[in-house]
Amino acid sequence: MIKAFRKATTVLFFILPLFISAQIFQPKNYPQGYFAWPVKAKIGIAANFGELRPNHYHMGIDVRTDQKENVPVIASADGYVAKVKIEPYGFGRCIYINHPNGLTTLYAHLNDFYPALEAYIKQEQYKAESWKLFIENIPANLFPVKKGQLIAYSGNTGGSQGPHLHFEIRDTQTDKVLNPLLFGFPIPDNIPPVVMRLAVYDRTKSTYEQTPRMYPLKKVKGVYTTVPAVLSLPTDKVSFAITAVDRYTGSTNQNGIYAADLYDNGEPVVGFQIDSISYDETRYMNAHVDFKLKTNGGPWVQHLSRLPGYTNGIYKEVNGDGALDISDQEPHNIKVVVKDTEDNQTVIEFTVKSAGPGAAPPNNEAELFKPGFVNVYEDNNLSFFLGENQLYDSVHFNVLKIAGTHMGAVAYKMHGGDVPLHTFYSLRMKNSTTTNPDRMVMKRWWGSKDDYAKAEKEPGGWFKSSFKALGNVELYLDETPPTITPVGFKDGMNAAKLNRIAFVIRDETDELKNFRAELDGKWLRFSNDKGKTFIYKFDEHCPPGAHELKIYVEDCAGNKVERSYKFTR
């Protein structure tokens, strides 16, 4: 049973002079030249702010480091080290510096920090008995820095695919991430964005329950227009999306665009501008693009309209949300202006008109889940709800019982992984026959992506967990412990010639609850970059002599394994 609850409380190409468009966004007033280029390498970027990534915007610029690691990274301006983060994915090893102008710079994917900071962080890791660390509110007088001072060496740590520096500028008070290319860095750019295609949507129905009409574009006297010349559409309400990229002078990289504005018969309707985004908001990228189209193998397209469940963010509405009423069946002259941060502009002009409303959609017996509502599903073996801020657009929701991937699993197809969700949702599944309720796991999969989570037992044979995406889900018993495999190291060996000890930990779920190493009964710092290999580099914590190393590992289901190794140095 499904329930929904309301939350309480041209192209006719016309040769006309390009009209002066009312600006939808005011120019930015960020300080120019305040920040120095953050690495001692040839100036260049591999990715810009706002590029489209799976489930998020790229939230900084990827600074080139001459395709190598250990390039000096410097403080972009006077300030002090305010935070340090170390994690296996994401930023890897990362420094935050607060500056007196109210801004913070962030430097990620680093190797070693400068010596004083490196020693402090190591001390804090041993104090916390944790390699993974996020130290906030470091006193301002502890690590002051001057503009141009060495703070670290570049690397490839965390969620990095190759040597580079991820660099951000944030508003210190709000933690909003600002577009660094608006701060006057010396990156020449006189190349306007390139637009490859226009997508058109029938907005009398959900964007998730249609395939957009795609139109190629051609350039005539500097202005893009559609092919064919007139878009006559069987609907009374339309919206648009574009595939567009940008480049800067001297680079072949296809970067993301900065902004786009939509005009209808010369009047501003809506625009988006990719700047001032928090990490709490970056997942809204899934509402800014056609997530379903991309997930099913199509191109990135960026909506020129705000979807109903996108409550705030990069869009600014002047006259509606970008879904245009064309029921008058008159020609609507549409103009789209696409921009980069240097205000290089590309213009698209076309005409659209309604050919009358299309055929009524076929009857769909599935219940309609809507953004802005709490949407609930309940039956004898499955129960879940989506909060009012989960969906970006409506969808007729389907649930189907399917075969699982594990023996004895209870499994369902929950609509599909091509409809995005904004936050985690609560999911309950029933299996009253399990022999070991403390080892139950939930798995969610779609395409090549698997997610696992511990299934917490509840009364009546129910188990509860949460995921951040739809797709196939199953509940199964996991009694298989992780495996520990030493790399170039074995029990009883003389390790005098080694400079490190490494272990590969494998588990079906890839979700380890705990890894702990002890040398002679004391915690020993193993790094865990990128999540697979745990590495200890010999230091003062392992002096010459005989030692015993114990490794403890626990997976998300609670399966544990312990190994002991004796060696000498």
Protein backbone atom coordinates (compact mmCIF):
# COMPACT_ATOMS: atom_id res chain seq x y z
CA MET A 1 0.00 0.00 0.00
CA ILE A 2 1.37 3.40 -0.96
CA LYS A 3 0.38 6.58 0.86
CA ALA A 4 1.28 10.22 0.31
CA PHE A 5 1.13 12.83 3.07
CA ARG A 6 1.47 16.58 2.70
CA LYS A 7 4.06 18.08 5.00
CA ALA A 8 2.32 19.69 7.97
CA THR A 9 2.71 23.16 8.89
CA THR A 10 13.22 30.03 -35.12
CA VAL A 11 13.44 27.49 -34.52
CA LEU A 12 12.92 30.09 -37.10
CA PHE A 13 16.21 31.88 -37.23
CA PHE A 14 15.41 35.58 -37.27
CA ILE A 15 18.07 38.10 -38.26
CA LEU A 16 17.64 40.75 -35.63
CA PRO A 17 20.21 42.75 -33.75
CA LEU A 18 21.11 40.98 -30.54
CA PHE A 19 18.95 42.78 -28.03
CA ILE A 20 20.43 44.02 -24.81
CA SER A 21 19.31 41.46 -22.24
CA ALA A 22 18.44 42.45 -18.72
CA GLN A 23 21.01 40.87 -16.43
CA ILE A 24 19.62 38.10 -14.26
CA PHE A 25 22.68 38.00 -11.97
CA GLN A 26 24.70 40.96 -10.72
CA PRO A 27 28.50 40.91 -11.23
CA LYS A 28 30.59 39.45 -8.41
CA ASN A 29 32.84 41.64 -6.30
CA TYR A 30 35.47 39.17 -5.10
CA PRO A 31 39.00 40.45 -4.29
CA GLN A 32 41.27 40.32 -7.33
CA GLY A 33 44.92 39.33 -6.93
CA TYR A 34 44.62 38.67 -3.20
CA PHE A 35 45.45 34.96 -3.55
CA ALA A 36 48.67 33.62 -5.05
CA TRP A 37 48.75 30.56 -7.31
CA PRO A 38 49.00 27.68 -4.78
CA VAL A 39 51.69 25.45 -6.35
CA LYS A 40 55.23 25.94 -7.63
CA ALA A 41 54.41 24.62 -11.10
CA LYS A 42 53.37 25.89 -14.50
CA ILE A 43 50.00 27.61 -14.16
CA GLY A 44 47.15 25.49 -15.49
CA ILE A 45 44.02 23.63 -14.41
CA ALA A 46 42.75 20.16 -15.23
CA ALA A 47 39.18 20.83 -14.01
CA ASN A 48 37.23 23.92 -13.03
CA PHE A 49 34.59 24.73 -10.44
CA GLY A 50 31.13 23.32 -11.13
CA GLU A 51 32.09 20.54 -13.52
CA LEU A 52 29.52 17.76 -13.49
CA ARG A 53 30.54 14.69 -11.51
CA PRO A 54 28.57 11.66 -10.25
CA ASN A 55 26.17 13.00 -7.60
CA HIS A 56 27.99 16.32 -7.12
CA TYR A 57 29.53 19.40 -8.64
CA HIS A 58 33.31 19.61 -8.72
CA MET A 59 33.76 22.01 -5.82
CA GLY A 60 37.08 23.63 -6.63
CA ILE A 61 39.73 23.77 -9.31
CA ASP A 62 42.16 20.97 -10.02
CA VAL A 63 45.54 22.66 -10.25
CA ARG A 64 48.15 21.00 -12.45
CA THR A 65 51.39 19.89 -10.79
CA ASP A 66 53.45 19.12 -13.92
CA GLN A 67 52.04 15.55 -13.83
CA LYS A 68 54.11 14.64 -10.78
CA GLU A 69 53.86 14.43 -7.01
CA ASN A 70 55.75 16.31 -4.28
CA VAL A 71 55.57 19.70 -5.95
CA PRO A 72 55.73 22.46 -3.27
CA VAL A 73 52.29 23.72 -2.23
CA ILE A 74 52.23 27.23 -0.78
CA ALA A 75 49.84 29.32 1.29
CA SER A 76 47.85 31.48 -1.12
CA ALA A 77 47.72 34.34 1.38
CA ASP A 78 48.60 35.23 4.97
CA GLY A 79 46.58 33.35 7.56
CA TYR A 80 46.75 30.31 9.81
CA VAL A 81 46.12 26.57 9.54
CA ALA A 82 42.61 26.19 10.95
CA LYS A 83 41.75 22.58 10.10
CA VAL A 84 43.39 19.40 8.87
CA LYS A 85 41.57 16.40 7.42
CA ILE A 86 42.93 12.93 6.63
CA GLU A 87 40.62 10.35 5.03
CA PRO A 88 40.95 7.34 2.69
CA TYR A 89 38.77 8.82 -0.06
CA GLY A 90 37.54 12.38 -0.65
CA PHE A 91 40.23 14.95 0.06
CA GLY A 92 42.87 12.45 1.20
CA ARG A 93 45.32 14.63 3.16
CA CYS A 94 44.00 18.18 3.31
CA ILE A 95 44.76 21.59 4.87
CA TYR A 96 42.35 24.50 5.51
CA ILE A 97 43.84 27.99 5.97
CA ASN A 98 41.77 30.87 7.34
CA HIS A 99 42.61 34.37 6.07
CA PRO A 100 41.93 37.77 7.62
CA ASN A 101 39.60 38.79 4.76
CA GLY A 102 36.95 36.28 5.90
CA LEU A 103 37.84 33.59 3.37
CA THR A 104 39.33 30.11 3.73
CA THR A 105 41.51 28.26 1.23
CA LEU A 106 41.59 24.47 1.05
CA TYR A 107 44.41 22.30 -0.35
CA ALA A 108 43.67 18.59 -0.95
CA HIS A 109 45.21 15.29 -2.17
CA LEU A 110 48.46 16.23 -0.43
CA ASN A 111 51.44 14.11 0.52
CA ASP A 112 53.48 15.28 3.53
CA PHE A 113 52.66 18.51 5.34
CA TYR A 114 55.45 20.90 6.26
CA PRO A 115 57.55 19.45 9.13
CA ALA A 116 56.01 21.25 12.13
CA LEU A 117 52.47 20.48 11.02
CA GLU A 118 53.35 16.90 10.07
CA ALA A 119 54.75 16.25 13.55
CA TYR A 120 51.66 17.76 15.21
CA ILE A 121 49.26 15.65 13.12
CA LYS A 122 51.17 12.44 13.84
CA GLN A 123 51.01 13.22 17.55
CA GLU A 124 47.25 13.79 17.33
CA GLN A 125 46.75 10.52 15.42
CA TYR A 126 48.52 8.56 18.13
CA LYS A 127 46.56 10.39 20.80
CA ALA A 128 43.26 9.50 19.05
CA GLU A 129 44.55 6.05 17.98
CA SER A 130 43.15 6.78 14.52
CA TRP A 131 44.84 7.47 11.18
CA LYS A 132 41.62 8.97 9.84
CA LEU A 133 41.31 12.40 11.43
CA PHE A 134 39.52 15.72 11.17
CA ILE A 135 40.99 18.33 13.48
CA GLU A 136 38.88 21.47 13.60
CA ASN A 137 39.44 24.74 15.45
CA ILE A 138 43.22 24.60 15.55
CA PRO A 139 44.27 27.70 17.55
CA ALA A 140 45.20 30.63 15.30
CA ASN A 141 48.58 31.09 16.99
CA LEU A 142 49.69 27.47 16.53
CA PHE A 143 50.47 27.40 12.80
CA PRO A 144 50.48 30.94 11.33
CA VAL A 145 51.52 31.12 7.67
CA LYS A 146 52.65 33.83 5.29
CA LYS A 147 51.68 34.20 1.65
CA GLY A 148 54.00 32.00 -0.42
CA GLN A 149 55.13 29.88 2.54
CA LEU A 150 55.55 26.12 1.99
CA ILE A 151 52.69 24.24 3.65
CA ALA A 152 52.84 20.78 2.02
CA TYR A 153 53.82 18.73 -1.00
CA SER A 154 51.33 17.82 -3.71
CA GLY A 155 50.20 14.24 -4.10
CA ASN A 156 47.54 11.85 -5.32
CA THR A 157 45.85 10.90 -2.04
CA GLY A 158 42.16 10.32 -1.43
CA GLY A 159 39.70 10.31 -4.29
CA SER A 160 42.29 11.46 -6.81
CA GLN A 161 42.87 9.84 -10.19
CA GLY A 162 46.31 11.34 -10.79
CA PRO A 163 48.80 13.86 -9.37
CA HIS A 164 47.26 17.32 -8.86
CA LEU A 165 46.16 19.78 -6.19
CA HIS A 166 42.47 20.30 -5.47
CA PHE A 167 42.11 23.97 -4.43
CA GLU A 168 39.06 25.73 -2.98
CA ILE A 169 38.13 29.19 -1.72
CA ARG A 170 35.34 29.28 0.88
CA ASP A 171 33.44 31.86 2.84
CA THR A 172 34.76 31.12 6.34
CA GLN A 173 31.52 31.94 8.14
CA THR A 174 29.01 30.12 5.88
CA ASP A 175 31.36 27.44 4.49
CA LYS A 176 29.97 28.17 1.01
CA VAL A 177 32.51 27.29 -1.67
CA LEU A 178 33.19 30.14 -4.09
CA ASN A 179 34.28 29.83 -7.70
CA PRO A 180 38.08 30.36 -7.60
CA LEU A 181 38.18 31.55 -11.23
CA LEU A 182 36.33 34.71 -10.14
CA PHE A 183 39.36 35.83 -8.08
CA GLY A 184 41.64 37.03 -10.86
CA PHE A 185 44.11 34.17 -11.18
CA PRO A 186 46.37 34.57 -14.25
CA ILE A 187 44.61 32.05 -16.51
CA PRO A 188 43.96 33.69 -19.90
CA ASP A 189 40.55 32.88 -21.33
CA ASN A 190 39.08 34.47 -24.45
CA ILE A 191 37.24 31.36 -25.67
CA PRO A 192 33.43 31.30 -25.29
CA PRO A 193 31.61 28.11 -24.26
CA VAL A 194 30.63 25.56 -26.89
CA VAL A 195 27.06 24.24 -26.95
CA MET A 196 26.58 20.85 -28.62
CA ARG A 197 22.87 20.13 -28.31
CA LEU A 198 19.50 21.33 -27.08
CA ALA A 199 17.12 19.03 -25.20
CA VAL A 200 13.40 19.84 -25.06
CA TYR A 201 11.03 18.46 -22.40
CA ASP A 202 7.24 18.13 -22.25
CA ARG A 203 6.61 19.63 -18.83
CA THR A 204 3.03 18.41 -18.59
CA LYS A 205 4.70 15.25 -17.24
CA SER A 206 7.71 14.33 -15.14
CA THR A 207 11.19 14.68 -16.60
CA TYR A 208 11.82 11.13 -15.31
CA GLU A 209 8.97 9.68 -17.39
CA GLN A 210 10.06 10.81 -20.83
CA THR A 211 13.00 10.92 -23.17
CA PRO A 212 13.75 14.51 -24.20
CA ARG A 213 13.68 15.56 -27.85
CA MET A 214 17.25 16.27 -28.92
CA TYR A 215 18.11 18.92 -31.50
CA PRO A 216 21.52 19.58 -33.04
CA LEU A 217 22.73 23.16 -33.26
CA LYS A 218 24.44 25.07 -36.04
CA LYS A 219 26.26 28.37 -35.88
CA VAL A 220 25.11 31.18 -38.17
CA LYS A 221 26.91 34.53 -37.98
CA GLY A 222 28.13 33.83 -34.48
CA VAL A 223 24.79 32.66 -33.07
CA TYR A 224 23.70 29.07 -32.55
CA THR A 225 20.29 28.01 -33.82
CA THR A 226 18.45 24.71 -33.95
CA VAL A 227 17.92 22.27 -36.77
CA PRO A 228 15.07 22.29 -37.92
CA ALA A 229 14.27 25.97 -37.95
CA VAL A 230 10.92 25.81 -36.10
CA LEU A 231 10.25 23.57 -33.12
CA SER A 232 6.55 22.73 -33.27
CA LEU A 233 5.80 20.62 -30.22
CA PRO A 234 2.78 18.53 -29.14
CA THR A 235 2.51 20.09 -25.70
CA ASP A 236 1.43 23.28 -24.01
CA LYS A 237 4.35 23.45 -21.59
CA VAL A 238 8.06 23.05 -22.35
CA SER A 239 11.46 23.40 -20.77
CA PHE A 240 14.97 23.20 -22.16
CA ALA A 241 18.38 21.80 -21.31
CA ILE A 242 21.77 22.07 -23.00
CA THR A 243 24.98 20.13 -23.38
CA ALA A 244 27.79 22.68 -23.12
CA VAL A 245 31.50 22.81 -22.25
CA ASP A 246 34.10 25.53 -21.83
CA ARG A 247 37.84 25.84 -22.47
CA TYR A 248 40.45 28.37 -21.52
CA THR A 249 43.10 29.74 -23.87
CA GLY A 250 45.87 27.26 -24.68
CA SER A 251 44.05 24.22 -23.25
CA THR A 252 42.14 21.40 -24.93
CA ASN A 253 40.41 20.39 -21.67
CA GLN A 254 36.63 20.42 -21.76
CA ASN A 255 35.65 22.20 -18.55
CA GLY A 256 32.27 23.08 -17.11
CA ILE A 257 30.28 26.21 -17.93
CA TYR A 258 29.70 28.96 -15.38
CA ALA A 259 26.23 30.30 -16.14
CA ALA A 260 23.27 30.30 -18.51
CA ASP A 261 20.26 32.63 -18.78
CA LEU A 262 16.92 31.94 -20.48
CA TYR A 263 14.78 34.61 -22.20
CA ASP A 264 11.28 34.27 -23.69
CA ASN A 265 10.32 36.94 -26.26
CA GLY A 266 13.04 39.18 -24.89
CA GLU A 267 12.00 38.88 -21.25
CA PRO A 268 14.28 37.22 -18.68
CA VAL A 269 12.80 34.05 -17.24
CA VAL A 270 15.40 32.16 -15.21
CA GLY A 271 19.15 31.63 -15.01
CA PHE A 272 21.71 29.56 -13.20
CA GLN A 273 25.15 30.52 -11.99
CA ILE A 274 27.58 27.98 -10.53
CA ASP A 275 29.09 29.75 -7.54
CA SER A 276 28.67 29.87 -3.75
CA ILE A 277 27.63 26.25 -3.17
CA SER A 278 27.99 24.35 0.09
CA TYR A 279 28.78 20.66 0.37
CA ASP A 280 25.27 20.22 1.79
CA GLU A 281 23.95 21.51 -1.54
CA THR A 282 26.29 19.91 -4.05
CA ARG A 283 24.09 16.81 -4.48
CA TYR A 284 21.46 19.10 -6.03
CA MET A 285 23.56 18.67 -9.15
CA ASN A 286 21.32 15.63 -9.73
CA ALA A 287 18.37 18.02 -10.12
CA HIS A 288 20.32 20.39 -12.36
CA VAL A 289 21.04 17.64 -14.91
CA ASP A 290 18.90 14.94 -16.51
CA PHE A 291 20.05 12.23 -14.11
CA LYS A 292 18.00 9.50 -15.78
CA LEU A 293 19.38 10.29 -19.22
CA LYS A 294 22.98 10.24 -18.00
CA THR A 295 22.55 7.09 -15.87
CA ASN A 296 21.18 5.22 -18.88
CA GLY A 297 24.17 6.07 -21.06
CA GLY A 298 23.15 9.45 -22.48
CA PRO A 299 25.03 12.75 -22.40
CA TRP A 300 25.16 15.33 -19.65
CA VAL A 301 22.45 17.94 -20.19
CA GLN A 302 21.91 20.89 -17.82
CA HIS A 303 18.37 22.07 -17.20
CA LEU A 304 17.44 25.67 -17.91
CA SER A 305 14.61 25.27 -15.43
CA ARG A 306 14.31 24.45 -11.77
CA LEU A 307 12.74 21.07 -11.04
CA PRO A 308 9.92 21.10 -8.45
CA GLY A 309 12.02 19.42 -5.73
CA TYR A 310 15.04 21.71 -6.14
CA THR A 311 14.20 24.12 -3.34
CA ASN A 312 17.16 26.50 -3.64
CA GLY A 313 20.65 26.73 -5.02
CA ILE A 314 22.12 27.89 -8.31
CA TYR A 315 18.91 29.09 -10.02
CA LYS A 316 17.49 32.60 -9.94
CA GLU A 317 13.89 32.99 -11.07
CA VAL A 318 12.67 36.22 -12.63
CA ASN A 319 9.45 35.09 -14.32
CA GLY A 320 8.71 31.46 -13.43
CA ASP A 321 10.89 28.40 -12.99
CA GLY A 322 11.78 27.92 -16.67
CA ALA A 323 8.90 25.60 -17.61
CA LEU A 324 7.24 27.82 -20.24
CA ASP A 325 3.51 27.99 -21.00
CA ILE A 326 3.17 27.99 -24.82
CA SER A 327 -0.54 27.13 -24.90
CA ASP A 328 -1.25 30.35 -26.84
CA GLN A 329 0.15 28.47 -29.90
CA GLU A 330 2.00 31.64 -30.85
CA PRO A 331 5.71 31.65 -31.73
CA HIS A 332 7.96 32.12 -28.68
CA ASN A 333 11.37 33.52 -29.55
CA ILE A 334 13.79 31.89 -27.12
CA LYS A 335 17.24 33.12 -26.31
CA VAL A 336 19.82 31.33 -24.15
CA VAL A 337 23.06 33.06 -23.13
CA VAL A 338 25.81 30.71 -21.91
CA LYS A 339 28.80 32.24 -20.08
CA ASP A 340 32.18 31.44 -18.54
CA THR A 341 33.78 33.25 -15.61
CA GLU A 342 35.51 35.73 -17.94
CA ASP A 343 32.08 36.68 -19.39
CA ASN A 344 32.83 35.11 -22.76
CA GLN A 345 29.33 34.45 -24.09
CA THR A 346 27.66 32.02 -26.47
CA VAL A 347 24.13 32.79 -27.68
CA ILE A 348 21.46 30.32 -28.82
CA GLU A 349 18.33 31.69 -30.51
CA PHE A 350 15.38 29.68 -31.70
CA THR A 351 11.60 29.75 -31.93
CA VAL A 352 9.20 27.29 -30.32
CA LYS A 353 5.41 26.99 -30.55
CA SER A 354 2.73 24.56 -29.46
CA ALA A 355 1.00 22.27 -31.95
CA GLY A 356 -1.65 21.65 -29.31
CA PRO A 357 -1.64 19.32 -26.33
CA GLY A 358 -0.34 15.83 -26.99
CA ALA A 359 -2.13 12.55 -26.51
CA ALA A 360 -3.17 11.70 -22.98
CA PRO A 361 -0.59 9.51 -21.26
CA PRO A 362 -1.48 5.83 -20.84
CA ASN A 363 -3.02 4.75 -17.56
CA ASN A 364 -0.35 4.00 -14.98
CA GLU A 365 -1.60 2.01 -12.02
CA ALA A 366 1.48 2.74 -9.93
CA GLU A 367 1.06 5.39 -7.26
CA LEU A 368 2.52 8.81 -7.98
CA PHE A 369 5.32 9.85 -5.63
CA LYS A 370 5.71 13.63 -5.51
CA PRO A 371 8.39 16.05 -4.33
CA GLY A 372 7.27 18.08 -1.33
CA PHE A 373 5.39 15.09 0.10
CA VAL A 374 6.27 12.28 2.49
CA ASN A 375 5.79 9.23 0.27
CA VAL A 376 5.26 5.89 2.04
CA TYR A 377 5.24 2.28 0.87
CA GLU A 378 4.12 -0.60 3.09
CA ASP A 379 3.46 -4.31 2.59
CA ASN A 380 4.00 -7.47 4.66
CA ASN A 381 7.73 -7.73 3.88
CA LEU A 382 8.91 -4.29 2.77
CA SER A 383 8.44 -0.81 4.15
CA PHE A 384 10.08 2.50 3.35
CA PHE A 385 9.38 6.18 3.16
CA LEU A 386 10.84 9.07 1.18
CA GLY A 387 10.89 12.41 2.96
CA GLU A 388 9.41 15.56 1.48
CA ASN A 389 12.88 16.71 0.38
CA GLN A 390 13.93 13.43 -1.28
CA LEU A 391 12.56 13.63 -4.84
CA TYR A 392 13.28 16.35 -7.41
CA ASP A 393 10.39 15.44 -9.74
CA SER A 394 7.33 13.18 -9.63
CA VAL A 395 7.47 9.49 -10.52
CA HIS A 396 4.96 6.64 -10.70
CA PHE A 397 6.69 4.34 -8.25
CA ASN A 398 6.98 0.60 -8.91
CA VAL A 399 8.10 -2.17 -6.55
CA LEU A 400 8.78 -5.67 -7.87
CA LYS A 401 9.97 -8.80 -6.05
CA ILE A 402 13.09 -10.22 -7.74
CA ALA A 403 15.72 -12.93 -7.28
CA GLY A 404 18.55 -11.96 -4.96
CA THR A 405 22.28 -12.44 -5.47
CA HIS A 406 22.76 -14.43 -2.23
CA MET A 407 21.18 -17.72 -1.17
CA GLY A 408 18.14 -17.16 1.01
CA ALA A 409 18.04 -13.41 0.26
CA VAL A 410 14.83 -11.39 0.17
CA ALA A 411 15.13 -8.99 -2.77
CA TYR A 412 13.13 -6.25 -4.50
CA LYS A 413 13.51 -3.86 -7.40
CA MET A 414 12.61 -0.49 -5.94
CA HIS A 415 11.72 1.44 -9.08
CA GLY A 416 15.22 2.02 -10.49
CA GLY A 417 18.58 3.60 -9.82
CA ASP A 418 18.02 6.14 -12.60
CA VAL A 419 15.74 8.29 -10.41
CA PRO A 420 17.90 10.26 -7.95
CA LEU A 421 17.28 10.91 -4.26
CA HIS A 422 18.67 13.82 -2.28
CA THR A 423 19.34 12.22 1.12
CA PHE A 424 19.29 8.85 2.85
CA TYR A 425 15.94 7.10 3.21
CA SER A 426 14.89 4.51 5.78
CA LEU A 427 14.25 0.98 4.51
CA ARG A 428 12.78 -2.01 6.41
CA MET A 429 12.74 -5.59 5.14
CA LYS A 430 11.47 -8.77 6.78
CA ASN A 431 13.14 -12.15 7.20
CA SER A 432 11.83 -14.09 10.19
CA THR A 433 13.68 -17.33 9.28
CA THR A 434 17.29 -16.17 9.63
CA THR A 435 19.56 -18.25 11.86
CA ASN A 436 21.74 -15.33 12.96
CA PRO A 437 19.95 -11.97 13.08
CA ASP A 438 23.11 -10.19 14.29
CA ARG A 439 24.86 -10.84 10.95
CA MET A 440 22.24 -9.53 8.53
CA VAL A 441 23.28 -7.13 5.78
CA MET A 442 21.40 -5.09 3.20
CA LYS A 443 22.79 -4.68 -0.29
CA ARG A 444 21.69 -2.11 -2.88
CA TRP A 445 22.85 -2.42 -6.47
CA TRP A 446 22.22 -0.88 -9.86
CA GLY A 447 24.43 -1.36 -12.87
CA SER A 448 28.00 -1.86 -11.65
CA LYS A 449 27.53 0.01 -8.36
CA ASP A 450 27.03 -1.91 -5.09
CA ASP A 451 26.31 -0.44 -1.65
CA TYR A 452 26.21 -2.39 1.61
CA ALA A 453 24.94 -1.51 5.07
CA LYS A 454 24.46 -3.28 8.39
CA ALA A 455 20.83 -4.40 8.87
CA GLU A 456 19.74 -3.55 12.38
CA LYS A 457 17.25 -6.04 13.81
CA GLU A 458 13.81 -4.89 14.98
CA PRO A 459 10.88 -6.80 16.56
CA GLY A 460 8.87 -9.21 14.43
CA GLY A 461 11.64 -10.34 12.10
CA TRP A 462 12.14 -6.87 10.59
CA PHE A 463 15.54 -5.38 9.74
CA LYS A 464 16.28 -1.71 9.15
CA SER A 465 18.93 0.16 7.20
CA SER A 466 19.28 3.21 4.97
CA PHE A 467 20.58 4.05 1.51
CA LYS A 468 20.96 7.17 -0.59
CA ALA A 469 19.83 5.70 -3.93
CA LEU A 470 17.06 3.54 -5.35
CA GLY A 471 17.50 0.33 -7.35
CA ASN A 472 17.65 -3.34 -6.39
CA VAL A 473 17.85 -4.18 -2.68
CA GLU A 474 18.23 -7.42 -0.77
CA LEU A 475 18.50 -8.65 2.80
CA TYR A 476 20.85 -11.55 3.45
CA LEU A 477 22.96 -13.32 6.05
CA ASP A 478 26.70 -12.53 5.99
CA GLU A 479 28.83 -14.78 8.17
CA THR A 480 32.04 -14.52 6.12
CA PRO A 481 34.83 -12.57 7.87
CA PRO A 482 37.25 -10.30 6.01
CA THR A 483 40.60 -11.65 4.79
CA ILE A 484 44.01 -10.24 5.73
CA THR A 485 46.80 -10.63 3.17
CA PRO A 486 50.32 -9.34 3.93
CA VAL A 487 52.25 -7.83 1.02
CA GLY A 488 55.99 -8.65 1.02
CA PHE A 489 55.84 -9.48 4.71
CA LYS A 490 55.39 -12.74 6.64
CA ASP A 491 55.38 -14.17 10.11
CA GLY A 492 58.83 -14.76 11.61
CA MET A 493 60.78 -12.72 9.09
CA ASN A 494 63.70 -10.36 9.59
CA ALA A 495 62.27 -7.05 8.39
CA ALA A 496 65.51 -5.08 8.66
CA LYS A 497 65.59 -4.37 4.92
CA LEU A 498 61.95 -3.32 4.68
CA ASN A 499 60.88 0.32 4.84
CA ARG A 500 57.21 -0.52 5.33
CA ILE A 501 54.64 -3.22 6.17
CA ALA A 502 51.48 -3.49 4.07
CA PHE A 503 48.27 -5.51 4.27
CA VAL A 504 45.42 -5.86 1.78
CA ILE A 505 42.05 -6.31 3.47
CA ARG A 506 39.21 -7.79 1.43
CA ASP A 507 35.56 -8.20 2.32
CA GLU A 508 32.55 -8.69 0.10
CA THR A 509 30.86 -5.59 1.47
CA ASP A 510 33.95 -3.32 1.21
CA GLU A 511 32.52 -1.66 4.32
CA LEU A 512 34.97 -2.18 7.17
CA LYS A 513 33.74 -1.16 10.59
CA ASN A 514 37.18 -1.31 12.16
CA PHE A 515 40.87 -1.88 11.41
CA ARG A 516 43.33 -1.83 14.27
CA ALA A 517 47.04 -2.62 14.42
CA GLU A 518 49.00 -3.08 17.64
CA LEU A 519 52.77 -3.42 17.94
CA ASP A 520 53.83 -5.00 21.23
CA GLY A 521 50.42 -4.10 22.66
CA LYS A 522 50.40 -0.45 21.54
CA TRP A 523 48.39 1.14 18.72
CA LEU A 524 50.41 1.52 15.51
CA ARG A 525 49.59 4.03 12.77
CA PHE A 526 48.73 2.37 9.46
CA SER A 527 47.63 4.67 6.63
CA ASN A 528 44.69 3.64 4.46
CA ASP A 529 44.75 5.74 1.31
CA LYS A 530 41.99 4.76 -1.15
CA GLY A 531 40.61 2.18 1.23
CA LYS A 532 42.23 -1.11 0.17
CA THR A 533 45.83 -1.29 1.37
CA PHE A 534 46.87 -0.51 4.95
CA ILE A 535 50.49 0.66 5.19
CA TYR A 536 52.87 1.29 8.08
CA LYS A 537 56.13 3.09 7.26
CA PHE A 538 58.84 2.22 9.77
CA ASP A 539 59.61 5.03 12.19
CA GLU A 540 60.57 5.58 15.83
CA HIS A 541 57.56 3.54 16.98
CA CYS A 542 59.28 0.33 15.81
CA PRO A 543 62.86 0.33 17.19
CA PRO A 544 65.41 -2.47 16.49
CA GLY A 545 64.66 -5.80 18.13
CA ALA A 546 61.96 -8.47 18.27
CA HIS A 547 58.31 -7.45 17.89
CA GLU A 548 54.80 -8.84 17.72
CA LEU A 549 52.27 -7.21 15.38
CA LYS A 550 48.56 -7.93 15.78
CA ILE A 551 45.97 -6.98 13.17
CA TYR A 552 42.25 -6.80 14.02
CA VAL A 553 39.57 -6.31 11.34
CA GLU A 554 35.75 -6.16 11.59
CA ASP A 555 33.30 -5.77 8.70
CA CYS A 556 29.95 -3.95 8.73
CA ALA A 557 28.08 -7.18 9.61
CA GLY A 558 30.20 -7.67 12.72
CA ASN A 559 32.37 -10.51 11.40
CA LYS A 560 35.83 -10.30 12.99
CA VAL A 561 39.27 -11.67 12.19
CA GLU A 562 42.61 -11.38 14.01
CA ARG A 563 46.13 -12.22 12.84
CA SER A 564 49.43 -12.16 14.71
CA TYR A 565 52.92 -11.79 13.19
CA LYS A 566 56.31 -11.96 14.90
CA PHE A 567 59.31 -10.30 13.29
CA THR A 568 62.63 -8.66 14.06
CA ARG A 569 64.23 -5.38 13.02
